Each structure stands twice: as structure tokens, then as C-alpha cells.
């Protein structure tokens, strides 16, 4: 698919006199008792610390978050949702102002058939163009008796400090239109050649993987995700999510 050619960057005790034996014995007993108490206290502290560590290790906060889904062998965690838009990134990419890989899912609640889905896909395509996106490839998969039509868009956006390529799949899921968008970013001022090489090596593979991915979250499960405040800065910087 040549359309992916992007050219845009860690006791010592001493008995000195016989008359002092009794006193020394008492002192010895006191000393041994004191040592026992100290040992017990130290043991109690260590046991408490160990128990505390174990309990802390078993709490949800200390347990690694479970990915919402796996795409391309990589687990993606839910990061942000607002209205019908939901964002997921891999472990270690929590910063939504600077990530490398993201999957965005949009639910179009008013698109219930093939025609409405096609209209949504065309509207998104025009939106990409209006935000200075360079369309790399579009494709439609005709409907079959057991599968509605689907649509695909590949687009690249050049910004002053990064380049982003997005692969968008449009499909009906449980009777509702959805788009699943995989995006990849490379940061820097002059990274056009890097993105061009990445796209040549990964573009066809990512399209195939995205279009064949059947284990996507359902619209119902997406509606159950927690909502967070809008991030206007991110929305403006990443038009592939509009």
C-alpha cells in the first residue's frame, strides 16, 4: 500500500568482689529481662512492618491496573472519557499531553444503519481535511449478508512539535455506529522522515490489524466508564479525536 508514504518528523559482665555476687545476679536478671523486652519489641515492630507491607501490597492501589483491552499484543488502559469519546493508552503512557500510541473510541448513538454510518465517516473525513490533515488512504468494505459495510481512513497531521498518523475504522456495533481510531505520534520539529519510515513499515499492518480486530469494547461498556473534565488543549492539538 504505497499510500502510506508520508513525507511531512536503589555481656561482658565482670565479678570483681565475692560480696557482690547477689547484686550482680539481680543485675544480670534485670539485664536479661530488659534484653528480652527489647527483643520482643523489635520483633513486634518488624512483624508489624511486614504485615503492613503485605497488606499494602494487596490493596487495589498497589495492584497493577488491568488493561481495558489488548490490541496488537499491547494492553491499553482507560485514561479519559467525555460524552461519547473515550481514550486509551498503553502502560507508561499516562501523560495525555505526550503519548506515543493511543486508541480513541467514539460512539455515534444516532447512527443505526449503513447509510448513517457512511455519513458519519464522510463527516469525519471532511473534518480531518479542515484541520489540515493529509489523507493517506480511504477504503470501504461492502456489506455482506452477515456483516454491515465498514469504512477506513488513514490520515496524517503535521504540527510544530509532533507528527501524528491516525487510522480510523467505522463500524456498527450492537446497532450503534462506532469509530475506533489508532493514533501514533513522533515528537520533534523535523521528524517527517521518521514518520515516513514508520508509516511504510507499519501502515499496511496497522490497517489490517485494525480492520480485523473483533474484540472491541461494546458501546454499553464504554458508557459505564468514568467521565472526566474536558481537556480543551488536547482536543485542539489532536484533531484526529474530533
C-alpha atoms as a PDB file:
ATOM      1  CA  UNK A   1       0.000   0.000   0.000  1.00  0.00           C
ATOM      2  CA  UNK A   2       2.079   2.861  -1.259  1.00  0.00           C
ATOM      3  CA  UNK A   3      -0.461   5.328   0.123  1.00  0.00           C
ATOM      4  CA  UNK A   4       1.402   5.189   3.424  1.00  0.00           C
ATOM      5  CA  UNK A   5       4.427   7.071   2.094  1.00  0.00           C
ATOM      6  CA  UNK A   6       4.453  10.088   4.440  1.00  0.00           C
ATOM      7  CA  UNK A   7       6.880  12.835   3.512  1.00  0.00           C
ATOM      8  CA  UNK A   8       5.653  15.502   6.021  1.00  0.00           C
ATOM      9  CA  UNK A   9       9.212  14.183  11.808  1.00  0.00           C
ATOM     10  CA  UNK A  10      18.266   1.639  44.729  1.00  0.00           C
ATOM     11  CA  UNK A  11      27.829  -9.066  78.248  1.00  0.00           C
ATOM     12  CA  UNK A  12      30.650  -8.719  79.103  1.00  0.00           C
ATOM     13  CA  UNK A  13      29.977  -8.990  82.889  1.00  0.00           C
ATOM     14  CA  UNK A  14      32.811  -8.926  85.355  1.00  0.00           C
ATOM     15  CA  UNK A  15      32.546 -10.077  89.058  1.00  0.00           C
ATOM     16  CA  UNK A  16      35.268  -8.150  90.942  1.00  0.00           C
ATOM     17  CA  UNK A  17      34.410  -8.991  94.593  1.00  0.00           C
ATOM     18  CA  UNK A  18      32.722 -12.093  96.113  1.00  0.00           C
ATOM     19  CA  UNK A  19      30.364  -9.884  98.138  1.00  0.00           C
ATOM     20  CA  UNK A  20      28.814  -8.524  95.024  1.00  0.00           C
ATOM     21  CA  UNK A  21      27.598 -11.817  93.518  1.00  0.00           C
ATOM     22  CA  UNK A  22      23.962 -11.499  94.645  1.00  0.00           C
ATOM     23  CA  UNK A  23      23.704  -7.960  93.395  1.00  0.00           C
ATOM     24  CA  UNK A  24      25.303  -8.904  90.137  1.00  0.00           C
ATOM     25  CA  UNK A  25      22.875 -11.824  89.730  1.00  0.00           C
ATOM     26  CA  UNK A  26      19.999  -9.410  90.194  1.00  0.00           C
ATOM     27  CA  UNK A  27      21.563  -7.080  87.698  1.00  0.00           C
ATOM     28  CA  UNK A  28      22.042  -9.958  85.304  1.00  0.00           C
ATOM     29  CA  UNK A  29      18.388 -10.919  85.625  1.00  0.00           C
ATOM     30  CA  UNK A  30      17.327  -7.336  85.057  1.00  0.00           C
ATOM     31  CA  UNK A  31      19.599  -7.024  82.077  1.00  0.00           C
ATOM     32  CA  UNK A  32      18.372 -10.276  80.533  1.00  0.00           C
ATOM     33  CA  UNK A  33      14.780  -9.216  81.120  1.00  0.00           C
ATOM     34  CA  UNK A  34      15.435  -5.863  79.560  1.00  0.00           C
ATOM     35  CA  UNK A  35      17.052  -7.533  76.574  1.00  0.00           C
ATOM     36  CA  UNK A  36      14.059  -9.856  76.209  1.00  0.00           C
ATOM     37  CA  UNK A  37      11.657  -6.951  76.306  1.00  0.00           C
ATOM     38  CA  UNK A  38      13.730  -5.091  73.750  1.00  0.00           C
ATOM     39  CA  UNK A  39      13.897  -8.163  71.516  1.00  0.00           C
ATOM     40  CA  UNK A  40      10.147  -8.699  71.742  1.00  0.00           C
ATOM     41  CA  UNK A  41       9.535  -5.054  70.982  1.00  0.00           C
ATOM     42  CA  UNK A  42      11.847  -5.183  67.975  1.00  0.00           C
ATOM     43  CA  UNK A  43      10.236  -8.386  66.754  1.00  0.00           C
ATOM     44  CA  UNK A  44       6.806  -6.814  67.143  1.00  0.00           C
ATOM     45  CA  UNK A  45       7.927  -3.799  65.136  1.00  0.00           C
ATOM     46  CA  UNK A  46       9.371  -5.959  62.362  1.00  0.00           C
ATOM     47  CA  UNK A  47       6.293  -8.196  62.316  1.00  0.00           C
ATOM     48  CA  UNK A  48       4.026  -5.167  62.150  1.00  0.00           C
ATOM     49  CA  UNK A  49       6.101  -3.684  59.361  1.00  0.00           C
ATOM     50  CA  UNK A  50       5.994  -6.928  57.430  1.00  0.00           C
ATOM     51  CA  UNK A  51       2.258  -7.268  57.941  1.00  0.00           C
ATOM     52  CA  UNK A  52       1.739  -3.665  56.904  1.00  0.00           C
ATOM     53  CA  UNK A  53       3.816  -4.196  53.794  1.00  0.00           C
ATOM     54  CA  UNK A  54       1.842  -7.276  52.882  1.00  0.00           C
ATOM     55  CA  UNK A  55      -1.497  -5.565  53.420  1.00  0.00           C
ATOM     56  CA  UNK A  56      -0.389  -2.576  51.384  1.00  0.00           C
ATOM     57  CA  UNK A  57       0.725  -4.886  48.633  1.00  0.00           C
ATOM     58  CA  UNK A  58      -2.704  -6.472  48.495  1.00  0.00           C
ATOM     59  CA  UNK A  59      -4.652  -3.229  48.221  1.00  0.00           C
ATOM     60  CA  UNK A  60      -6.112  -2.229  44.839  1.00  0.00           C
ATOM     61  CA  UNK A  61      -3.998   0.929  44.753  1.00  0.00           C
ATOM     62  CA  UNK A  62      -0.818  -1.148  44.731  1.00  0.00           C
ATOM     63  CA  UNK A  63      -2.099  -3.656  42.209  1.00  0.00           C
ATOM     64  CA  UNK A  64      -1.272  -3.100  38.562  1.00  0.00           C
ATOM     65  CA  UNK A  65      -4.259  -1.781  36.652  1.00  0.00           C
ATOM     66  CA  UNK A  66      -5.907  -4.255  34.339  1.00  0.00           C
ATOM     67  CA  UNK A  67      -5.975  -3.245  30.678  1.00  0.00           C
ATOM     68  CA  UNK A  68      -9.361  -2.472  29.189  1.00  0.00           C
ATOM     69  CA  UNK A  69      -8.390  -4.486  26.109  1.00  0.00           C
ATOM     70  CA  UNK A  70      -5.429  -5.760  24.125  1.00  0.00           C
ATOM     71  CA  UNK A  71      -4.636  -4.516  20.643  1.00  0.00           C
ATOM     72  CA  UNK A  72      -1.693  -5.761  18.644  1.00  0.00           C
ATOM     73  CA  UNK A  73      -0.420  -7.682  21.671  1.00  0.00           C
ATOM     74  CA  UNK A  74      -0.337  -4.495  23.780  1.00  0.00           C
ATOM     75  CA  UNK A  75      -2.633  -3.800  26.735  1.00  0.00           C
ATOM     76  CA  UNK A  76      -4.442  -0.458  26.697  1.00  0.00           C
ATOM     77  CA  UNK A  77      -5.713   1.255  29.863  1.00  0.00           C
ATOM     78  CA  UNK A  78      -8.637   3.662  30.066  1.00  0.00           C
ATOM     79  CA  UNK A  79      -7.379   7.216  30.521  1.00  0.00           C
ATOM     80  CA  UNK A  80     -10.198   9.635  29.736  1.00  0.00           C
ATOM     81  CA  UNK A  81     -13.848   9.801  28.702  1.00  0.00           C
ATOM     82  CA  UNK A  82     -16.231  12.621  27.933  1.00  0.00           C
ATOM     83  CA  UNK A  83     -19.658  12.185  26.421  1.00  0.00           C
ATOM     84  CA  UNK A  84     -19.221   9.510  23.730  1.00  0.00           C
ATOM     85  CA  UNK A  85     -15.461   9.803  23.285  1.00  0.00           C
ATOM     86  CA  UNK A  86     -13.021   7.512  25.127  1.00  0.00           C
ATOM     87  CA  UNK A  87      -9.228   7.392  25.149  1.00  0.00           C
ATOM     88  CA  UNK A  88      -6.877   4.500  25.968  1.00  0.00           C
ATOM     89  CA  UNK A  89      -3.074   4.303  26.029  1.00  0.00           C
ATOM     90  CA  UNK A  90      -0.550   1.587  26.950  1.00  0.00           C
ATOM     91  CA  UNK A  91       1.107   1.276  30.358  1.00  0.00           C
ATOM     92  CA  UNK A  92       3.690   4.009  30.832  1.00  0.00           C
ATOM     93  CA  UNK A  93       1.871   6.484  28.576  1.00  0.00           C
ATOM     94  CA  UNK A  94      -0.321   8.137  31.209  1.00  0.00           C
ATOM     95  CA  UNK A  95       0.526  11.682  30.106  1.00  0.00           C
ATOM     96  CA  UNK A  96      -2.233  12.596  27.674  1.00  0.00           C
ATOM     97  CA  UNK A  97      -0.278  15.625  26.522  1.00  0.00           C
ATOM     98  CA  UNK A  98       2.633  13.470  25.370  1.00  0.00           C
ATOM     99  CA  UNK A  99       1.881   9.920  24.323  1.00  0.00           C
ATOM    100  CA  UNK A 100       3.109   7.723  21.503  1.00  0.00           C
ATOM    101  CA  UNK A 101       0.218   5.312  20.947  1.00  0.00           C
ATOM    102  CA  UNK A 102      -3.467   5.859  21.600  1.00  0.00           C
ATOM    103  CA  UNK A 103      -6.772   4.262  20.733  1.00  0.00           C
ATOM    104  CA  UNK A 104      -9.778   6.562  20.708  1.00  0.00           C
ATOM    105  CA  UNK A 105     -13.303   5.203  20.510  1.00  0.00           C
ATOM    106  CA  UNK A 106     -16.303   7.279  19.529  1.00  0.00           C
ATOM    107  CA  UNK A 107     -19.919   6.152  19.708  1.00  0.00           C
ATOM    108  CA  UNK A 108     -22.441   7.740  17.326  1.00  0.00           C
ATOM    109  CA  UNK A 109     -25.670   6.970  19.150  1.00  0.00           C
ATOM    110  CA  UNK A 110     -27.847   8.282  16.318  1.00  0.00           C
ATOM    111  CA  UNK A 111     -26.216   6.156  13.606  1.00  0.00           C
ATOM    112  CA  UNK A 112     -28.102   2.865  13.432  1.00  0.00           C
ATOM    113  CA  UNK A 113     -27.667   1.713   9.844  1.00  0.00           C
ATOM    114  CA  UNK A 114     -25.178   1.605   6.995  1.00  0.00           C
ATOM    115  CA  UNK A 115     -26.215   4.898   5.445  1.00  0.00           C
ATOM    116  CA  UNK A 116     -25.929   6.777   8.748  1.00  0.00           C
ATOM    117  CA  UNK A 117     -22.539   5.193   9.409  1.00  0.00           C
ATOM    118  CA  UNK A 118     -21.280   6.220   5.969  1.00  0.00           C
ATOM    119  CA  UNK A 119     -22.479   9.766   6.630  1.00  0.00           C
ATOM    120  CA  UNK A 120     -20.515   9.849   9.903  1.00  0.00           C
ATOM    121  CA  UNK A 121     -17.391   8.530   8.191  1.00  0.00           C
ATOM    122  CA  UNK A 122     -17.638  11.174   5.468  1.00  0.00           C
ATOM    123  CA  UNK A 123     -18.182  13.911   8.078  1.00  0.00           C
ATOM    124  CA  UNK A 124     -15.060  12.809   9.944  1.00  0.00           C
ATOM    125  CA  UNK A 125     -13.102  12.728   6.685  1.00  0.00           C
ATOM    126  CA  UNK A 126     -14.091  16.303   5.930  1.00  0.00           C
ATOM    127  CA  UNK A 127     -13.238  17.292   9.491  1.00  0.00           C
ATOM    128  CA  UNK A 128      -9.761  15.803   9.095  1.00  0.00           C
ATOM    129  CA  UNK A 129      -9.250  17.793   5.930  1.00  0.00           C
ATOM    130  CA  UNK A 130     -10.438  21.008   7.559  1.00  0.00           C
ATOM    131  CA  UNK A 131      -7.802  20.541  10.263  1.00  0.00           C
ATOM    132  CA  UNK A 132      -5.050  20.306   7.676  1.00  0.00           C
ATOM    133  CA  UNK A 133      -4.893  16.545   7.701  1.00  0.00           C
ATOM    134  CA  UNK A 134      -3.294  14.834   4.736  1.00  0.00           C
ATOM    135  CA  UNK A 135      -5.408  11.861   3.735  1.00  0.00           C
ATOM    136  CA  UNK A 136      -3.207   8.844   3.040  1.00  0.00           C
ATOM    137  CA  UNK A 137      -5.868   6.308   2.202  1.00  0.00           C
ATOM    138  CA  UNK A 138      -9.602   5.622   2.342  1.00  0.00           C
ATOM    139  CA  UNK A 139     -11.422   2.360   1.825  1.00  0.00           C
ATOM    140  CA  UNK A 140     -14.875   0.861   2.223  1.00  0.00           C
ATOM    141  CA  UNK A 141     -15.657  -2.790   2.842  1.00  0.00           C
ATOM    142  CA  UNK A 142     -19.002  -3.634   1.189  1.00  0.00           C
ATOM    143  CA  UNK A 143     -21.676  -5.182   3.328  1.00  0.00           C
ATOM    144  CA  UNK A 144     -22.339  -8.903   3.241  1.00  0.00           C
ATOM    145  CA  UNK A 145     -25.407 -10.866   4.371  1.00  0.00           C
ATOM    146  CA  UNK A 146     -23.903 -11.262   7.830  1.00  0.00           C
ATOM    147  CA  UNK A 147     -21.804  -8.081   8.122  1.00  0.00           C
ATOM    148  CA  UNK A 148     -22.657  -4.398   7.624  1.00  0.00           C
ATOM    149  CA  UNK A 149     -20.412  -2.213   5.497  1.00  0.00           C
ATOM    150  CA  UNK A 150     -17.356  -0.695   7.142  1.00  0.00           C
ATOM    151  CA  UNK A 151     -15.117   2.255   6.299  1.00  0.00           C
ATOM    152  CA  UNK A 152     -11.469   3.149   6.807  1.00  0.00           C
ATOM    153  CA  UNK A 153      -9.480   6.392   6.801  1.00  0.00           C
ATOM    154  CA  UNK A 154      -5.729   6.903   7.209  1.00  0.00           C
ATOM    155  CA  UNK A 155      -4.612  10.483   7.762  1.00  0.00           C
ATOM    156  CA  UNK A 156      -1.539  12.347   8.970  1.00  0.00           C
ATOM    157  CA  UNK A 157      -1.373  15.658  10.833  1.00  0.00           C
ATOM    158  CA  UNK A 158       1.745  17.793  10.983  1.00  0.00           C
ATOM    159  CA  UNK A 159       2.200  20.083  13.964  1.00  0.00           C
ATOM    160  CA  UNK A 160       5.095  22.260  15.107  1.00  0.00           C
ATOM    161  CA  UNK A 161       6.312  19.766  17.720  1.00  0.00           C
ATOM    162  CA  UNK A 162       4.999  16.406  16.512  1.00  0.00           C
ATOM    163  CA  UNK A 163       3.531  14.434  13.651  1.00  0.00           C
ATOM    164  CA  UNK A 164       0.535  12.195  14.215  1.00  0.00           C
ATOM    165  CA  UNK A 165      -0.799   9.495  11.939  1.00  0.00           C
ATOM    166  CA  UNK A 166      -4.279   8.115  12.575  1.00  0.00           C
ATOM    167  CA  UNK A 167      -6.048   5.000  11.300  1.00  0.00           C
ATOM    168  CA  UNK A 168      -9.826   5.152  11.736  1.00  0.00           C
ATOM    169  CA  UNK A 169     -12.281   2.273  11.358  1.00  0.00           C
ATOM    170  CA  UNK A 170     -16.019   2.896  11.212  1.00  0.00           C
ATOM    171  CA  UNK A 171     -18.390   0.028  12.015  1.00  0.00           C
ATOM    172  CA  UNK A 172     -21.758  -0.789  13.535  1.00  0.00           C
ATOM    173  CA  UNK A 173     -21.507  -2.395  16.995  1.00  0.00           C
ATOM    174  CA  UNK A 174     -24.672  -3.611  18.692  1.00  0.00           C
ATOM    175  CA  UNK A 175     -26.712  -1.394  16.397  1.00  0.00           C
ATOM    176  CA  UNK A 176     -24.732   1.791  17.067  1.00  0.00           C
ATOM    177  CA  UNK A 177     -22.184   3.488  14.858  1.00  0.00           C
ATOM    178  CA  UNK A 178     -18.653   3.494  16.253  1.00  0.00           C
ATOM    179  CA  UNK A 179     -15.221   4.640  15.198  1.00  0.00           C
ATOM    180  CA  UNK A 180     -12.045   3.027  16.504  1.00  0.00           C
ATOM    181  CA  UNK A 181      -9.023   5.231  15.898  1.00  0.00           C
ATOM    182  CA  UNK A 182      -5.447   4.077  16.413  1.00  0.00           C
ATOM    183  CA  UNK A 183      -3.017   7.014  16.509  1.00  0.00           C
ATOM    184  CA  UNK A 184       0.769   7.101  16.599  1.00  0.00           C
ATOM    185  CA  UNK A 185       2.884  10.166  17.336  1.00  0.00           C
ATOM    186  CA  UNK A 186       6.520  11.054  16.863  1.00  0.00           C
ATOM    187  CA  UNK A 187       7.707  14.198  18.640  1.00  0.00           C
ATOM    188  CA  UNK A 188      10.197  16.733  17.379  1.00  0.00           C
ATOM    189  CA  UNK A 189      10.473  19.584  14.937  1.00  0.00           C
ATOM    190  CA  UNK A 190      11.893  17.681  11.973  1.00  0.00           C
ATOM    191  CA  UNK A 191      10.547  14.151  12.168  1.00  0.00           C
ATOM    192  CA  UNK A 192       8.975  13.800   8.744  1.00  0.00           C
ATOM    193  CA  UNK A 193      11.466  11.185   7.614  1.00  0.00           C
ATOM    194  CA  UNK A 194      10.950   9.165  10.804  1.00  0.00           C
ATOM    195  CA  UNK A 195       7.191   9.182  10.363  1.00  0.00           C
ATOM    196  CA  UNK A 196       7.506   8.318   6.701  1.00  0.00           C
ATOM    197  CA  UNK A 197       9.659   5.289   7.567  1.00  0.00           C
ATOM    198  CA  UNK A 198       7.301   4.240  10.377  1.00  0.00           C
ATOM    199  CA  UNK A 199       4.283   4.503   8.098  1.00  0.00           C
ATOM    200  CA  UNK A 200       5.882   2.473   5.322  1.00  0.00           C
ATOM    201  CA  UNK A 201       6.818  -0.272   7.790  1.00  0.00           C
ATOM    202  CA  UNK A 202       3.622  -0.248   9.843  1.00  0.00           C
ATOM    203  CA  UNK A 203       0.808   1.341   7.816  1.00  0.00           C
ATOM    204  CA  UNK A 204      -0.481  -1.735   5.962  1.00  0.00           C
ATOM    205  CA  UNK A 205      -0.023  -3.896   9.068  1.00  0.00           C
ATOM    206  CA  UNK A 206      -1.934  -1.474  11.294  1.00  0.00           C
ATOM    207  CA  UNK A 207      -4.791  -1.195   8.791  1.00  0.00           C
ATOM    208  CA  UNK A 208      -5.134  -4.974   8.558  1.00  0.00           C
ATOM    209  CA  UNK A 209      -4.937  -5.422  12.306  1.00  0.00           C
ATOM    210  CA  UNK A 210      -7.482  -2.678  12.964  1.00  0.00           C
ATOM    211  CA  UNK A 211      -9.947  -3.888  10.359  1.00  0.00           C
ATOM    212  CA  UNK A 212      -9.733  -7.474  11.629  1.00  0.00           C
ATOM    213  CA  UNK A 213      -9.973  -6.579  15.330  1.00  0.00           C
ATOM    214  CA  UNK A 214     -13.225  -8.034  16.674  1.00  0.00           C
ATOM    215  CA  UNK A 215     -12.649  -7.810  20.444  1.00  0.00           C
ATOM    216  CA  UNK A 216     -13.540  -4.125  20.767  1.00  0.00           C
ATOM    217  CA  UNK A 217     -15.429  -2.833  23.833  1.00  0.00           C
ATOM    218  CA  UNK A 218     -19.177  -2.572  23.325  1.00  0.00           C
ATOM    219  CA  UNK A 219     -20.959   0.807  23.361  1.00  0.00           C
ATOM    220  CA  UNK A 220     -22.704  -0.295  26.597  1.00  0.00           C
ATOM    221  CA  UNK A 221     -19.382  -0.968  28.342  1.00  0.00           C
ATOM    222  CA  UNK A 222     -17.981   2.353  27.132  1.00  0.00           C
ATOM    223  CA  UNK A 223     -20.941   4.170  28.653  1.00  0.00           C
ATOM    224  CA  UNK A 224     -20.007   2.701  32.051  1.00  0.00           C
ATOM    225  CA  UNK A 225     -16.533   4.266  32.035  1.00  0.00           C
ATOM    226  CA  UNK A 226     -15.938   7.204  34.438  1.00  0.00           C
ATOM    227  CA  UNK A 227     -16.139  10.674  32.904  1.00  0.00           C
ATOM    228  CA  UNK A 228     -13.532  13.375  33.445  1.00  0.00           C
ATOM    229  CA  UNK A 229     -13.295  17.082  32.810  1.00  0.00           C
ATOM    230  CA  UNK A 230     -12.740  18.175  29.237  1.00  0.00           C
ATOM    231  CA  UNK A 231      -9.186  18.809  28.044  1.00  0.00           C
ATOM    232  CA  UNK A 232      -9.554  21.597  25.551  1.00  0.00           C
ATOM    233  CA  UNK A 233      -5.821  21.920  24.944  1.00  0.00           C
ATOM    234  CA  UNK A 234      -5.525  18.270  23.952  1.00  0.00           C
ATOM    235  CA  UNK A 235      -8.643  18.405  21.809  1.00  0.00           C
ATOM    236  CA  UNK A 236      -7.256  21.322  19.822  1.00  0.00           C
ATOM    237  CA  UNK A 237      -3.822  19.747  19.472  1.00  0.00           C
ATOM    238  CA  UNK A 238      -5.141  16.423  18.205  1.00  0.00           C
ATOM    239  CA  UNK A 239      -7.806  16.861  15.517  1.00  0.00           C
ATOM    240  CA  UNK A 240      -7.950  13.111  14.885  1.00  0.00           C
ATOM    241  CA  UNK A 241     -10.059  12.882  18.040  1.00  0.00           C
ATOM    242  CA  UNK A 242     -12.750  15.352  16.978  1.00  0.00           C
END
